Structure formats: structure tokens, C-alpha cells
Protein backbone atom coordinates (compact mmCIF):
# COMPACT_ATOMS: atom_id res chain seq x y z
CA MET A 1 63.63 -4.48 43.12
CA MET A 2 65.98 -7.39 40.99
CA SER A 3 64.26 -10.62 40.45
CA ALA A 4 66.30 -13.68 41.07
CA THR A 5 66.91 -14.66 37.48
CA SER A 6 68.17 -11.25 36.96
CA THR A 7 70.53 -11.51 40.54
CA LEU A 8 71.95 -15.01 39.29
CA ALA A 9 73.32 -13.79 36.38
CA LEU A 10 74.70 -10.74 37.89
CA THR A 11 76.59 -13.23 40.35
CA HIS A 12 77.71 -15.28 37.72
CA PHE A 13 78.94 -12.08 35.73
CA VAL A 14 80.81 -11.00 39.07
CA THR A 15 82.76 -14.33 39.29
CA LEU A 16 84.09 -14.26 35.76
CA ALA A 17 85.36 -10.90 35.60
CA ASP A 18 87.08 -11.62 38.26
CA SER A 19 88.94 -14.43 36.14
CA PHE A 20 90.60 -12.22 34.22
CA ASP A 21 94.18 -10.50 34.90
CA LYS A 22 93.29 -6.47 34.54
CA ASN A 23 97.16 -6.42 33.85
CA LYS A 24 96.47 -8.65 30.42
CA VAL A 25 93.17 -7.70 29.07
CA THR A 26 93.69 -5.68 25.80
CA PRO A 27 91.32 -4.63 23.13
CA GLY A 28 92.72 -6.91 20.79
CA VAL A 29 92.31 -7.36 16.78
CA LEU A 30 88.62 -6.46 17.34
CA GLY A 31 89.31 -3.12 19.15
CA PHE A 32 92.27 -2.66 16.17
CA ILE A 33 89.79 -3.05 13.25
CA VAL A 34 86.93 -0.58 14.61
CA PHE A 35 88.93 1.75 15.73
CA ALA A 36 90.45 1.73 11.98
CA VAL A 37 87.19 1.83 10.43
CA ILE A 38 86.18 4.88 12.92
CA GLY A 39 89.73 6.85 11.86
CA GLY A 40 89.30 5.35 7.48
CA ALA A 41 85.40 7.19 7.93
CA VAL A 42 87.03 10.38 9.71
CA TRP A 43 89.62 10.64 6.99
CA LEU A 44 87.10 9.82 4.26
CA LEU A 45 84.99 12.83 6.06
CA MET A 46 87.18 15.45 6.05
CA LYS A 47 88.31 14.59 2.47
CA SER A 48 84.82 15.25 1.60
CA MET A 49 84.21 18.62 3.60
CA ASN A 50 87.42 20.30 2.04
CA LYS A 51 85.80 19.41 -1.15
CA HIS A 52 82.57 21.01 -0.50
CA MET A 53 84.42 23.71 1.04
CA LYS A 54 86.53 24.81 -1.70
CA LYS A 55 83.45 24.99 -3.99
CA VAL A 56 81.82 27.46 -1.68
CA ASP A 57 82.13 31.24 -3.05
CA PHE A 58 81.02 33.42 -0.55
CA GLU A 59 81.65 37.42 -0.75
CA GLU A 60 80.79 39.28 1.93
CA GLN A 61 78.73 42.33 1.76
CA PRO A 62 79.46 45.51 2.47
CA GLU A 63 78.37 47.52 5.11
CA GLY A 64 77.25 50.30 2.52
CA GLY A 65 73.57 50.74 1.17
CA GLU A 66 74.57 47.63 -1.15
CA ALA A 67 72.56 45.01 1.26
CA GLY A 68 68.94 45.87 -0.20
CA THR A 69 69.93 46.05 -3.84
CA THR A 70 69.40 41.77 -3.98
CA ALA A 71 65.89 42.10 -2.26
CA SER A 72 65.13 45.18 -5.28
CA SER A 73 66.92 42.77 -8.33
CA ALA A 74 64.37 39.89 -6.75
CA ALA A 75 60.83 41.88 -6.81
CA THR A 76 61.93 43.15 -10.52
CA ALA A 77 62.57 39.53 -11.97
CA PRO A 78 59.47 38.53 -14.66
CA GLU A 79 57.21 36.09 -13.41
CA PRO A 80 57.66 32.11 -14.75
CA LYS A 81 55.03 31.50 -17.42
CA THR A 82 52.55 28.36 -16.58
CA SER A 83 50.88 26.92 -19.63
């Protein structure tokens, strides 16, 4: 159930919203600035992603029996010395 204060606030905002001409309301300068900042952030993220993706050196292993060679080489690696 709504309180009297919230009902009064809603009726005040509804009458305020009716006073605007719906054909003349635009986002304005603030809307443009927000849109431009979001566009700039997406551009910077894409630029960074491309830089990081160029560093990736991915070679797919063949379907043959070479898949187990990485596990066996890791098992024979010497253990680090602890002092």
C-alpha cells in the first residue's frame, strides 16, 4: 500500500510530466557527452583488446599422439631447490 507522501509525490511528477511537449524533448548536451564517453571507452577497449590478441601465440596440437608429451615433460622437470 502506498503512503500519502508517495501518492502526493507521484501526482506531482505526473502533472510535471504533462507540461513537457513530447515532440520537443531532446537528450541535450549531457546526453551527447554520455554517449561520446561511452563511445570513447568502447574504442579504447577495442584498441587494448587488439593489442593483447596480437601477443597471443596459439598453435593447435595435432590430433596424433603428441598430446601426452607436455605432461611427460612436466613430470621429468627438476624440482626447484629450497634453502
